[in-house]
Amino acid sequence: MSGPRIMLIEDEHIVVESLARALHQFGAQVVATAATVEQALALLGPTPEIDGAVLDINLRGIRAYAVADALIARGVPLVFTTGYSGAVIPAAYRHIPVLLKPFSPHEILESLFPHSDE
């Protein structure tokens, strides 16, 4: 498969499964998933190259900005997802696209890769 390689960081298993299937239908491949900040940070070292990441802001009650920082440091495009208003995002992260739940896989790919034909 030659589509974009995506890391899903989301604490609701059913959302991960559903989103992974839907992204696959759009030609993307999910190469890693994590449900906690700790899991996500641990995976960033050994994870195969990733082209983008979907990051739920609230992972089991913990804000995931440390994961965002690690992704930004690696130059990985990311999109925040949340069930809350985008206003909860600190000013330092306001340049990152935010998708309010529910959202579509097409919206994710369009937010991560705005100039591609994905």
PDB file of N, CA and C in Angstrom:
ATOM      1  N   MET A   1       0.838  -1.170   0.000  1.00  0.00           N
ATOM      2  CA  MET A   1       0.000   0.000   0.000  1.00  0.00           C
ATOM      3  C   MET A   1       0.888   1.240   0.000  1.00  0.00           C
ATOM      4  N   SER A   2       0.552   2.214  -0.793  1.00  0.00           N
ATOM      5  CA  SER A   2       1.412   3.377  -0.922  1.00  0.00           C
ATOM      6  C   SER A   2       0.790   4.646  -0.347  1.00  0.00           C
ATOM      7  N   GLY A   3      -0.343   4.546   0.336  1.00  0.00           N
ATOM      8  CA  GLY A   3      -0.994   5.718   0.915  1.00  0.00           C
ATOM      9  C   GLY A   3      -0.254   6.217   2.131  1.00  0.00           C
ATOM     10  N   PRO A   4      -0.727   7.329   2.692  1.00  0.00           N
ATOM     11  CA  PRO A   4      -0.065   7.894   3.863  1.00  0.00           C
ATOM     12  C   PRO A   4      -0.121   6.957   5.067  1.00  0.00           C
ATOM     13  N   ARG A   5       0.968   6.972   5.820  1.00  0.00           N
ATOM     14  CA  ARG A   5       1.088   6.149   7.023  1.00  0.00           C
ATOM     15  C   ARG A   5       0.694   7.001   8.223  1.00  0.00           C
ATOM     16  N   ILE A   6      -0.347   6.563   8.932  1.00  0.00           N
ATOM     17  CA  ILE A   6      -0.950   7.359   9.989  1.00  0.00           C
ATOM     18  C   ILE A   6      -0.784   6.679  11.346  1.00  0.00           C
ATOM     19  N   MET A   7      -0.521   7.491  12.363  1.00  0.00           N
ATOM     20  CA  MET A   7      -0.519   7.031  13.750  1.00  0.00           C
ATOM     21  C   MET A   7      -1.796   7.562  14.395  1.00  0.00           C
ATOM     22  N   LEU A   8      -2.585   6.669  14.995  1.00  0.00           N
ATOM     23  CA  LEU A   8      -3.817   7.052  15.689  1.00  0.00           C
ATOM     24  C   LEU A   8      -3.567   7.030  17.189  1.00  0.00           C
ATOM     25  N   ILE A   9      -3.807   8.154  17.831  1.00  0.00           N
ATOM     26  CA  ILE A   9      -3.629   8.249  19.273  1.00  0.00           C
ATOM     27  C   ILE A   9      -4.990   8.642  19.848  1.00  0.00           C
ATOM     28  N   GLU A  10      -5.677   7.636  20.353  1.00  0.00           N
ATOM     29  CA  GLU A  10      -7.082   7.770  20.780  1.00  0.00           C
ATOM     30  C   GLU A  10      -7.329   6.734  21.856  1.00  0.00           C
ATOM     31  N   ASP A  11      -8.040   7.124  22.920  1.00  0.00           N
ATOM     32  CA  ASP A  11      -8.239   6.196  24.034  1.00  0.00           C
ATOM     33  C   ASP A  11      -9.512   5.375  23.948  1.00  0.00           C
ATOM     34  N   GLU A  12     -10.349   5.601  22.967  1.00  0.00           N
ATOM     35  CA  GLU A  12     -11.553   4.796  22.811  1.00  0.00           C
ATOM     36  C   GLU A  12     -11.329   3.761  21.705  1.00  0.00           C
ATOM     37  N   HIS A  13     -11.247   2.492  22.119  1.00  0.00           N
ATOM     38  CA  HIS A  13     -10.911   1.405  21.203  1.00  0.00           C
ATOM     39  C   HIS A  13     -11.854   1.343  20.003  1.00  0.00           C
ATOM     40  N   ILE A  14     -13.130   1.504  20.235  1.00  0.00           N
ATOM     41  CA  ILE A  14     -14.095   1.415  19.141  1.00  0.00           C
ATOM     42  C   ILE A  14     -13.868   2.529  18.118  1.00  0.00           C
ATOM     43  N   VAL A  15     -13.456   3.702  18.580  1.00  0.00           N
ATOM     44  CA  VAL A  15     -13.158   4.810  17.673  1.00  0.00           C
ATOM     45  C   VAL A  15     -11.920   4.474  16.834  1.00  0.00           C
ATOM     46  N   VAL A  16     -10.913   3.897  17.476  1.00  0.00           N
ATOM     47  CA  VAL A  16      -9.697   3.515  16.767  1.00  0.00           C
ATOM     48  C   VAL A  16     -10.015   2.498  15.672  1.00  0.00           C
ATOM     49  N   GLU A  17     -10.763   1.461  16.023  1.00  0.00           N
ATOM     50  CA  GLU A  17     -11.098   0.421  15.049  1.00  0.00           C
ATOM     51  C   GLU A  17     -11.890   0.983  13.873  1.00  0.00           C
ATOM     52  N   SER A  18     -12.894   1.767  14.175  1.00  0.00           N
ATOM     53  CA  SER A  18     -13.734   2.354  13.141  1.00  0.00           C
ATOM     54  C   SER A  18     -12.939   3.304  12.252  1.00  0.00           C
ATOM     55  N   LEU A  19     -12.134   4.139  12.864  1.00  0.00           N
ATOM     56  CA  LEU A  19     -11.341   5.106  12.118  1.00  0.00           C
ATOM     57  C   LEU A  19     -10.278   4.417  11.265  1.00  0.00           C
ATOM     58  N   ALA A  20      -9.652   3.384  11.794  1.00  0.00           N
ATOM     59  CA  ALA A  20      -8.644   2.652  11.025  1.00  0.00           C
ATOM     60  C   ALA A  20      -9.258   2.032   9.770  1.00  0.00           C
ATOM     61  N   ARG A  21     -10.438   1.424   9.912  1.00  0.00           N
ATOM     62  CA  ARG A  21     -11.116   0.848   8.740  1.00  0.00           C
ATOM     63  C   ARG A  21     -11.467   1.922   7.717  1.00  0.00           C
ATOM     64  N   ALA A  22     -11.984   3.027   8.211  1.00  0.00           N
ATOM     65  CA  ALA A  22     -12.397   4.101   7.306  1.00  0.00           C
ATOM     66  C   ALA A  22     -11.189   4.734   6.615  1.00  0.00           C
ATOM     67  N   LEU A  23     -10.108   4.955   7.337  1.00  0.00           N
ATOM     68  CA  LEU A  23      -8.903   5.520   6.713  1.00  0.00           C
ATOM     69  C   LEU A  23      -8.346   4.574   5.658  1.00  0.00           C
ATOM     70  N   HIS A  24      -8.404   3.288   5.944  1.00  0.00           N
ATOM     71  CA  HIS A  24      -7.951   2.281   4.973  1.00  0.00           C
ATOM     72  C   HIS A  24      -8.737   2.404   3.668  1.00  0.00           C
ATOM     73  N   GLN A  25     -10.040   2.629   3.782  1.00  0.00           N
ATOM     74  CA  GLN A  25     -10.872   2.788   2.590  1.00  0.00           C
ATOM     75  C   GLN A  25     -10.478   4.021   1.784  1.00  0.00           C
ATOM     76  N   PHE A  26      -9.878   5.009   2.443  1.00  0.00           N
ATOM     77  CA  PHE A  26      -9.405   6.214   1.759  1.00  0.00           C
ATOM     78  C   PHE A  26      -7.959   6.075   1.304  1.00  0.00           C
ATOM     79  N   GLY A  27      -7.391   4.879   1.436  1.00  0.00           N
ATOM     80  CA  GLY A  27      -6.042   4.633   0.940  1.00  0.00           C
ATOM     81  C   GLY A  27      -4.927   4.850   1.942  1.00  0.00           C
ATOM     82  N   ALA A  28      -5.264   5.178   3.177  1.00  0.00           N
ATOM     83  CA  ALA A  28      -4.243   5.381   4.202  1.00  0.00           C
ATOM     84  C   ALA A  28      -4.008   4.075   4.950  1.00  0.00           C
ATOM     85  N   GLN A  29      -2.861   3.975   5.594  1.00  0.00           N
ATOM     86  CA  GLN A  29      -2.590   2.809   6.425  1.00  0.00           C
ATOM     87  C   GLN A  29      -2.245   3.267   7.837  1.00  0.00           C
ATOM     88  N   VAL A  30      -2.865   2.643   8.812  1.00  0.00           N
ATOM     89  CA  VAL A  30      -2.584   2.944  10.210  1.00  0.00           C
ATOM     90  C   VAL A  30      -1.420   2.058  10.627  1.00  0.00           C
ATOM     91  N   VAL A  31      -0.298   2.689  10.955  1.00  0.00           N
ATOM     92  CA  VAL A  31       0.915   1.923  11.274  1.00  0.00           C
ATOM     93  C   VAL A  31       1.169   1.807  12.772  1.00  0.00           C
ATOM     94  N   ALA A  32       0.442   2.602  13.573  1.00  0.00           N
ATOM     95  CA  ALA A  32       0.603   2.531  15.027  1.00  0.00           C
ATOM     96  C   ALA A  32      -0.615   3.139  15.694  1.00  0.00           C
ATOM     97  N   THR A  33      -0.956   2.584  16.856  1.00  0.00           N
ATOM     98  CA  THR A  33      -2.034   3.147  17.663  1.00  0.00           C
ATOM     99  C   THR A  33      -1.568   3.214  19.117  1.00  0.00           C
ATOM    100  N   ALA A  34      -2.107   4.180  19.833  1.00  0.00           N
ATOM    101  CA  ALA A  34      -1.813   4.317  21.255  1.00  0.00           C
ATOM    102  C   ALA A  34      -3.048   4.877  21.945  1.00  0.00           C
ATOM    103  N   ALA A  35      -3.231   4.476  23.206  1.00  0.00           N
ATOM    104  CA  ALA A  35      -4.395   4.918  23.964  1.00  0.00           C
ATOM    105  C   ALA A  35      -4.032   5.853  25.116  1.00  0.00           C
ATOM    106  N   THR A  36      -2.739   5.985  25.399  1.00  0.00           N
ATOM    107  CA  THR A  36      -2.303   6.856  26.483  1.00  0.00           C
ATOM    108  C   THR A  36      -1.128   7.698  26.008  1.00  0.00           C
ATOM    109  N   VAL A  37      -0.847   8.755  26.761  1.00  0.00           N
ATOM    110  CA  VAL A  37       0.309   9.604  26.452  1.00  0.00           C
ATOM    111  C   VAL A  37       1.582   8.768  26.511  1.00  0.00           C
ATOM    112  N   GLU A  38       1.706   7.930  27.538  1.00  0.00           N
ATOM    113  CA  GLU A  38       2.911   7.112  27.702  1.00  0.00           C
ATOM    114  C   GLU A  38       3.105   6.151  26.532  1.00  0.00           C
ATOM    115  N   GLN A  39       2.027   5.481  26.117  1.00  0.00           N
ATOM    116  CA  GLN A  39       2.122   4.566  24.974  1.00  0.00           C
ATOM    117  C   GLN A  39       2.539   5.310  23.718  1.00  0.00           C
ATOM    118  N   ALA A  40       1.945   6.459  23.492  1.00  0.00           N
ATOM    119  CA  ALA A  40       2.260   7.224  22.281  1.00  0.00           C
ATOM    120  C   ALA A  40       3.720   7.649  22.260  1.00  0.00           C
ATOM    121  N   LEU A  41       4.203   8.155  23.371  1.00  0.00           N
ATOM    122  CA  LEU A  41       5.606   8.587  23.428  1.00  0.00           C
ATOM    123  C   LEU A  41       6.557   7.406  23.252  1.00  0.00           C
ATOM    124  N   ALA A  42       6.210   6.264  23.836  1.00  0.00           N
ATOM    125  CA  ALA A  42       7.052   5.067  23.690  1.00  0.00           C
ATOM    126  C   ALA A  42       7.083   4.589  22.243  1.00  0.00           C
ATOM    127  N   LEU A  43       5.962   4.698  21.545  1.00  0.00           N
ATOM    128  CA  LEU A  43       5.897   4.234  20.155  1.00  0.00           C
ATOM    129  C   LEU A  43       6.615   5.151  19.181  1.00  0.00           C
ATOM    130  N   LEU A  44       6.775   6.390  19.533  1.00  0.00           N
ATOM    131  CA  LEU A  44       7.393   7.320  18.591  1.00  0.00           C
ATOM    132  C   LEU A  44       8.838   6.971  18.268  1.00  0.00           C
ATOM    133  N   GLY A  45       9.542   6.302  19.181  1.00  0.00           N
ATOM    134  CA  GLY A  45      10.910   5.887  18.881  1.00  0.00           C
ATOM    135  C   GLY A  45      10.960   4.782  17.849  1.00  0.00           C
ATOM    136  N   PRO A  46      10.345   3.622  18.133  1.00  0.00           N
ATOM    137  CA  PRO A  46      10.453   2.487  17.222  1.00  0.00           C
ATOM    138  C   PRO A  46       9.432   2.474  16.076  1.00  0.00           C
ATOM    139  N   THR A  47       8.484   3.410  16.083  1.00  0.00           N
ATOM    140  CA  THR A  47       7.448   3.390  15.057  1.00  0.00           C
ATOM    141  C   THR A  47       8.064   3.596  13.688  1.00  0.00           C
ATOM    142  N   PRO A  48       7.619   2.814  12.713  1.00  0.00           N
ATOM    143  CA  PRO A  48       8.086   3.062  11.352  1.00  0.00           C
ATOM    144  C   PRO A  48       7.756   4.510  10.976  1.00  0.00           C
ATOM    145  N   GLU A  49       8.383   4.975   9.950  1.00  0.00           N
ATOM    146  CA  GLU A  49       8.113   6.335   9.510  1.00  0.00           C
ATOM    147  C   GLU A  49       6.616   6.560   9.410  1.00  0.00           C
ATOM    148  N   ILE A  50       6.180   7.705   9.901  1.00  0.00           N
ATOM    149  CA  ILE A  50       4.771   8.054   9.793  1.00  0.00           C
ATOM    150  C   ILE A  50       4.655   9.376   9.035  1.00  0.00           C
ATOM    151  N   ASP A  51       3.574   9.487   8.296  1.00  0.00           N
ATOM    152  CA  ASP A  51       3.348  10.685   7.490  1.00  0.00           C
ATOM    153  C   ASP A  51       2.416  11.669   8.183  1.00  0.00           C
ATOM    154  N   GLY A  52       1.702  11.206   9.199  1.00  0.00           N
ATOM    155  CA  GLY A  52       0.775  12.073   9.910  1.00  0.00           C
ATOM    156  C   GLY A  52       0.245  11.370  11.136  1.00  0.00           C
ATOM    157  N   ALA A  53      -0.338  12.166  12.041  1.00  0.00           N
ATOM    158  CA  ALA A  53      -0.880  11.601  13.272  1.00  0.00           C
ATOM    159  C   ALA A  53      -2.210  12.262  13.605  1.00  0.00           C
ATOM    160  N   VAL A  54      -3.094  11.449  14.154  1.00  0.00           N
ATOM    161  CA  VAL A  54      -4.388  11.900  14.664  1.00  0.00           C
ATOM    162  C   VAL A  54      -4.293  11.788  16.176  1.00  0.00           C
ATOM    163  N   LEU A  55      -4.432  12.913  16.864  1.00  0.00           N
ATOM    164  CA  LEU A  55      -4.178  12.956  18.302  1.00  0.00           C
ATOM    165  C   LEU A  55      -5.389  13.492  19.048  1.00  0.00           C
ATOM    166  N   ASP A  56      -6.022  12.614  19.836  1.00  0.00           N
ATOM    167  CA  ASP A  56      -7.093  13.040  20.728  1.00  0.00           C
ATOM    168  C   ASP A  56      -6.437  13.870  21.828  1.00  0.00           C
ATOM    169  N   ILE A  57      -6.956  15.046  22.079  1.00  0.00           N
ATOM    170  CA  ILE A  57      -6.362  15.945  23.068  1.00  0.00           C
ATOM    171  C   ILE A  57      -6.436  15.378  24.479  1.00  0.00           C
ATOM    172  N   ASN A  58      -7.507  14.672  24.794  1.00  0.00           N
ATOM    173  CA  ASN A  58      -7.719  14.154  26.143  1.00  0.00           C
ATOM    174  C   ASN A  58      -7.627  12.633  26.114  1.00  0.00           C
ATOM    175  N   LEU A  59      -6.526  12.109  26.647  1.00  0.00           N
ATOM    176  CA  LEU A  59      -6.315  10.659  26.690  1.00  0.00           C
ATOM    177  C   LEU A  59      -6.432  10.180  28.129  1.00  0.00           C
ATOM    178  N   ARG A  60      -7.553   9.565  28.429  1.00  0.00           N
ATOM    179  CA  ARG A  60      -7.807   9.046  29.783  1.00  0.00           C
ATOM    180  C   ARG A  60      -7.591  10.109  30.849  1.00  0.00           C
ATOM    181  N   GLY A  61      -8.087  11.308  30.555  1.00  0.00           N
ATOM    182  CA  GLY A  61      -8.026  12.395  31.516  1.00  0.00           C
ATOM    183  C   GLY A  61      -6.749  13.207  31.513  1.00  0.00           C
ATOM    184  N   ILE A  62      -5.812  12.875  30.637  1.00  0.00           N
ATOM    185  CA  ILE A  62      -4.535  13.592  30.572  1.00  0.00           C
ATOM    186  C   ILE A  62      -4.443  14.308  29.228  1.00  0.00           C
ATOM    187  N   ARG A  63      -4.107  15.581  29.260  1.00  0.00           N
ATOM    188  CA  ARG A  63      -3.928  16.345  28.033  1.00  0.00           C
ATOM    189  C   ARG A  63      -2.704  15.808  27.301  1.00  0.00           C
ATOM    190  N   ALA A  64      -2.803  15.676  25.998  1.00  0.00           N
ATOM    191  CA  ALA A  64      -1.777  14.997  25.199  1.00  0.00           C
ATOM    192  C   ALA A  64      -0.790  15.949  24.533  1.00  0.00           C
ATOM    193  N   TYR A  65      -0.544  17.095  25.120  1.00  0.00           N
ATOM    194  CA  TYR A  65       0.339  18.068  24.484  1.00  0.00           C
ATOM    195  C   TYR A  65       1.800  17.602  24.429  1.00  0.00           C
ATOM    196  N   ALA A  66       2.227  16.734  25.343  1.00  0.00           N
ATOM    197  CA  ALA A  66       3.590  16.193  25.268  1.00  0.00           C
ATOM    198  C   ALA A  66       3.760  15.367  24.000  1.00  0.00           C
ATOM    199  N   VAL A  67       2.710  14.669  23.602  1.00  0.00           N
ATOM    200  CA  VAL A  67       2.749  13.890  22.354  1.00  0.00           C
ATOM    201  C   VAL A  67       2.793  14.847  21.163  1.00  0.00           C
ATOM    202  N   ALA A  68       1.995  15.894  21.217  1.00  0.00           N
ATOM    203  CA  ALA A  68       2.021  16.898  20.140  1.00  0.00           C
ATOM    204  C   ALA A  68       3.423  17.480  20.004  1.00  0.00           C
ATOM    205  N   ASP A  69       4.055  17.798  21.123  1.00  0.00           N
ATOM    206  CA  ASP A  69       5.413  18.349  21.086  1.00  0.00           C
ATOM    207  C   ASP A  69       6.387  17.381  20.421  1.00  0.00           C
ATOM    208  N   ALA A  70       6.281  16.089  20.754  1.00  0.00           N
ATOM    209  CA  ALA A  70       7.173  15.080  20.169  1.00  0.00           C
ATOM    210  C   ALA A  70       6.940  14.952  18.663  1.00  0.00           C
ATOM    211  N   LEU A  71       5.684  14.989  18.245  1.00  0.00           N
ATOM    212  CA  LEU A  71       5.374  14.908  16.817  1.00  0.00           C
ATOM    213  C   LEU A  71       5.881  16.134  16.072  1.00  0.00           C
ATOM    214  N   ILE A  72       5.661  17.297  16.656  1.00  0.00           N
ATOM    215  CA  ILE A  72       6.137  18.541  16.042  1.00  0.00           C
ATOM    216  C   ILE A  72       7.655  18.507  15.899  1.00  0.00           C
ATOM    217  N   ALA A  73       8.353  18.035  16.943  1.00  0.00           N
ATOM    218  CA  ALA A  73       9.818  17.948  16.902  1.00  0.00           C
ATOM    219  C   ALA A  73      10.301  17.029  15.784  1.00  0.00           C
ATOM    220  N   ARG A  74       9.506  16.005  15.465  1.00  0.00           N
ATOM    221  CA  ARG A  74       9.865  15.082  14.376  1.00  0.00           C
ATOM    222  C   ARG A  74       9.415  15.594  13.017  1.00  0.00           C
ATOM    223  N   GLY A  75       8.693  16.703  12.993  1.00  0.00           N
ATOM    224  CA  GLY A  75       8.200  17.250  11.732  1.00  0.00           C
ATOM    225  C   GLY A  75       7.017  16.486  11.175  1.00  0.00           C
ATOM    226  N   VAL A  76       6.271  15.787  12.048  1.00  0.00           N
ATOM    227  CA  VAL A  76       5.121  14.995  11.617  1.00  0.00           C
ATOM    228  C   VAL A  76       3.857  15.860  11.674  1.00  0.00           C
ATOM    229  N   PRO A  77       3.155  16.004  10.552  1.00  0.00           N
ATOM    230  CA  PRO A  77       1.890  16.735  10.586  1.00  0.00           C
ATOM    231  C   PRO A  77       0.906  16.017  11.500  1.00  0.00           C
ATOM    232  N   LEU A  78       0.119  16.794  12.233  1.00  0.00           N
ATOM    233  CA  LEU A  78      -0.864  16.185  13.101  1.00  0.00           C
ATOM    234  C   LEU A  78      -2.146  16.989  13.087  1.00  0.00           C
ATOM    235  N   VAL A  79      -3.182  16.324  13.515  1.00  0.00           N
ATOM    236  CA  VAL A  79      -4.479  16.955  13.686  1.00  0.00           C
ATOM    237  C   VAL A  79      -4.984  16.551  15.059  1.00  0.00           C
ATOM    238  N   PHE A  80      -5.477  17.540  15.800  1.00  0.00           N
ATOM    239  CA  PHE A  80      -6.106  17.260  17.080  1.00  0.00           C
ATOM    240  C   PHE A  80      -7.548  16.839  16.848  1.00  0.00           C
ATOM    241  N   THR A  81      -8.022  15.927  17.671  1.00  0.00           N
ATOM    242  CA  THR A  81      -9.449  15.604  17.693  1.00  0.00           C
ATOM    243  C   THR A  81      -9.936  15.822  19.118  1.00  0.00           C
ATOM    244  N   THR A  82     -11.178  16.217  19.226  1.00  0.00           N
ATOM    245  CA  THR A  82     -11.736  16.471  20.542  1.00  0.00           C
ATOM    246  C   THR A  82     -13.251  16.438  20.492  1.00  0.00           C
ATOM    247  N   GLY A  83     -13.836  16.135  21.605  1.00  0.00           N
ATOM    248  CA  GLY A  83     -15.280  16.216  21.752  1.00  0.00           C
ATOM    249  C   GLY A  83     -15.672  17.548  22.370  1.00  0.00           C
ATOM    250  N   TYR A  84     -14.665  18.354  22.693  1.00  0.00           N
ATOM    251  CA  TYR A  84     -14.888  19.655  23.316  1.00  0.00           C
ATOM    252  C   TYR A  84     -14.664  20.758  22.285  1.00  0.00           C
ATOM    253  N   SER A  85     -14.908  21.969  22.678  1.00  0.00           N
ATOM    254  CA  SER A  85     -14.660  23.121  21.817  1.00  0.00           C
ATOM    255  C   SER A  85     -13.157  23.266  21.576  1.00  0.00           C
ATOM    256  N   GLY A  86     -12.793  23.728  20.402  1.00  0.00           N
ATOM    257  CA  GLY A  86     -11.394  23.989  20.092  1.00  0.00           C
ATOM    258  C   GLY A  86     -10.804  25.080  20.959  1.00  0.00           C
ATOM    259  N   ALA A  87     -11.644  25.811  21.674  1.00  0.00           N
ATOM    260  CA  ALA A  87     -11.167  26.892  22.533  1.00  0.00           C
ATOM    261  C   ALA A  87     -10.331  26.379  23.706  1.00  0.00           C
ATOM    262  N   VAL A  88     -10.381  25.080  24.008  1.00  0.00           N
ATOM    263  CA  VAL A  88      -9.604  24.539  25.129  1.00  0.00           C
ATOM    264  C   VAL A  88      -8.125  24.409  24.783  1.00  0.00           C
ATOM    265  N   ILE A  89      -7.781  24.577  23.526  1.00  0.00           N
ATOM    266  CA  ILE A  89      -6.393  24.394  23.087  1.00  0.00           C
ATOM    267  C   ILE A  89      -5.568  25.637  23.419  1.00  0.00           C
ATOM    268  N   PRO A  90      -4.425  25.448  24.082  1.00  0.00           N
ATOM    269  CA  PRO A  90      -3.563  26.588  24.400  1.00  0.00           C
ATOM    270  C   PRO A  90      -3.083  27.295  23.118  1.00  0.00           C
ATOM    271  N   ALA A  91      -2.776  28.561  23.253  1.00  0.00           N
ATOM    272  CA  ALA A  91      -2.361  29.384  22.117  1.00  0.00           C
ATOM    273  C   ALA A  91      -1.176  28.785  21.358  1.00  0.00           C
ATOM    274  N   ALA A  92      -0.268  28.135  22.057  1.00  0.00           N
ATOM    275  CA  ALA A  92       0.925  27.573  21.410  1.00  0.00           C
ATOM    276  C   ALA A  92       0.596  26.495  20.381  1.00  0.00           C
ATOM    277  N   TYR A  93      -0.611  25.924  20.456  1.00  0.00           N
ATOM    278  CA  TYR A  93      -0.994  24.837  19.549  1.00  0.00           C
ATOM    279  C   TYR A  93      -2.103  25.239  18.582  1.00  0.00           C
ATOM    280  N   ARG A  94      -2.439  26.478  18.534  1.00  0.00           N
ATOM    281  CA  ARG A  94      -3.577  26.894  17.709  1.00  0.00           C
ATOM    282  C   ARG A  94      -3.304  26.804  16.217  1.00  0.00           C
ATOM    283  N   HIS A  95      -2.065  26.583  15.816  1.00  0.00           N
ATOM    284  CA  HIS A  95      -1.746  26.408  14.396  1.00  0.00           C
ATOM    285  C   HIS A  95      -2.059  24.983  13.922  1.00  0.00           C
ATOM    286  N   ILE A  96      -2.350  24.097  14.853  1.00  0.00           N
ATOM    287  CA  ILE A  96      -2.643  22.702  14.518  1.00  0.00           C
ATOM    288  C   ILE A  96      -4.133  22.577  14.222  1.00  0.00           C
ATOM    289  N   PRO A  97      -4.489  21.919  13.106  1.00  0.00           N
ATOM    290  CA  PRO A  97      -5.917  21.743  12.802  1.00  0.00           C
ATOM    291  C   PRO A  97      -6.625  20.959  13.904  1.00  0.00           C
ATOM    292  N   VAL A  98      -7.877  21.326  14.142  1.00  0.00           N
ATOM    293  CA  VAL A  98      -8.698  20.663  15.161  1.00  0.00           C
ATOM    294  C   VAL A  98      -9.976  20.162  14.498  1.00  0.00           C
ATOM    295  N   LEU A  99     -10.272  18.888  14.714  1.00  0.00           N
ATOM    296  CA  LEU A  99     -11.527  18.312  14.243  1.00  0.00           C
ATOM    297  C   LEU A  99     -12.380  17.964  15.453  1.00  0.00           C
ATOM    298  N   LEU A 100     -13.599  18.462  15.457  1.00  0.00           N
ATOM    299  CA  LEU A 100     -14.527  18.146  16.531  1.00  0.00           C
ATOM    300  C   LEU A 100     -15.237  16.845  16.213  1.00  0.00           C
ATOM    301  N   LYS A 101     -15.325  15.971  17.205  1.00  0.00           N
ATOM    302  CA  LYS A 101     -15.996  14.687  17.021  1.00  0.00           C
ATOM    303  C   LYS A 101     -17.482  14.916  16.881  1.00  0.00           C
ATOM    304  N   PRO A 102     -18.153  14.227  15.987  1.00  0.00           N
ATOM    305  CA  PRO A 102     -17.650  13.238  15.021  1.00  0.00           C
ATOM    306  C   PRO A 102     -17.087  13.928  13.776  1.00  0.00           C
ATOM    307  N   PHE A 103     -16.169  13.249  13.120  1.00  0.00           N
ATOM    308  CA  PHE A 103     -15.530  13.762  11.911  1.00  0.00           C
ATOM    309  C   PHE A 103     -15.363  12.608  10.944  1.00  0.00           C
ATOM    310  N   SER A 104     -15.020  12.913   9.716  1.00  0.00           N
ATOM    311  CA  SER A 104     -14.863  11.866   8.708  1.00  0.00           C
ATOM    312  C   SER A 104     -13.382  11.622   8.421  1.00  0.00           C
ATOM    313  N   PRO A 105     -13.046  10.445   7.901  1.00  0.00           N
ATOM    314  CA  PRO A 105     -11.665  10.164   7.506  1.00  0.00           C
ATOM    315  C   PRO A 105     -11.186  11.160   6.448  1.00  0.00           C
ATOM    316  N   HIS A 106     -12.088  11.556   5.566  1.00  0.00           N
ATOM    317  CA  HIS A 106     -11.708  12.535   4.542  1.00  0.00           C
ATOM    318  C   HIS A 106     -11.263  13.845   5.204  1.00  0.00           C
ATOM    319  N   GLU A 107     -11.952  14.272   6.256  1.00  0.00           N
ATOM    320  CA  GLU A 107     -11.575  15.498   6.963  1.00  0.00           C
ATOM    321  C   GLU A 107     -10.179  15.359   7.585  1.00  0.00           C
ATOM    322  N   ILE A 108      -9.878  14.188   8.098  1.00  0.00           N
ATOM    323  CA  ILE A 108      -8.553  13.950   8.683  1.00  0.00           C
ATOM    324  C   ILE A 108      -7.483  14.099   7.615  1.00  0.00           C
ATOM    325  N   LEU A 109      -7.652  13.387   6.519  1.00  0.00           N
ATOM    326  CA  LEU A 109      -6.642  13.427   5.463  1.00  0.00           C
ATOM    327  C   LEU A 109      -6.513  14.821   4.867  1.00  0.00           C
ATOM    328  N   GLU A 110      -7.620  15.506   4.712  1.00  0.00           N
ATOM    329  CA  GLU A 110      -7.593  16.877   4.181  1.00  0.00           C
ATOM    330  C   GLU A 110      -6.877  17.822   5.148  1.00  0.00           C
ATOM    331  N   SER A 111      -7.055  17.617   6.458  1.00  0.00           N
ATOM    332  CA  SER A 111      -6.383  18.450   7.457  1.00  0.00           C
ATOM    333  C   SER A 111      -4.887  18.160   7.535  1.00  0.00           C
ATOM    334  N   LEU A 112      -4.516  16.886   7.417  1.00  0.00           N
ATOM    335  CA  LEU A 112      -3.100  16.507   7.481  1.00  0.00           C
ATOM    336  C   LEU A 112      -2.344  16.844   6.210  1.00  0.00           C
ATOM    337  N   PHE A 113      -2.998  16.652   5.071  1.00  0.00           N
ATOM    338  CA  PHE A 113      -2.332  16.807   3.783  1.00  0.00           C
ATOM    339  C   PHE A 113      -3.169  17.719   2.872  1.00  0.00           C
ATOM    340  N   PRO A 114      -3.264  19.012   3.201  1.00  0.00           N
ATOM    341  CA  PRO A 114      -4.185  19.903   2.492  1.00  0.00           C
ATOM    342  C   PRO A 114      -3.870  20.105   1.015  1.00  0.00           C
ATOM    343  N   HIS A 115      -2.673  19.830   0.595  1.00  0.00           N
ATOM    344  CA  HIS A 115      -2.329  20.072  -0.807  1.00  0.00           C
ATOM    345  C   HIS A 115      -2.173  18.808  -1.617  1.00  0.00           C
ATOM    346  N   SER A 116      -2.650  17.696  -1.051  1.00  0.00           N
ATOM    347  CA  SER A 116      -2.532  16.425  -1.770  1.00  0.00           C
ATOM    348  C   SER A 116      -3.879  16.033  -2.355  1.00  0.00           C
ATOM    349  N   ASP A 117      -3.854  14.994  -3.139  1.00  0.00           N
ATOM    350  CA  ASP A 117      -5.085  14.484  -3.754  1.00  0.00           C
ATOM    351  C   ASP A 117      -5.623  13.280  -3.022  1.00  0.00           C
ATOM    352  N   GLU A 118      -5.224  13.099  -1.726  1.00  0.00           N
ATOM    353  CA  GLU A 118      -5.657  11.929  -0.944  1.00  0.00           C
ATOM    354  C   GLU A 118      -7.163  11.903  -0.857  1.00  0.00           C
TER     355      GLU A 118
END
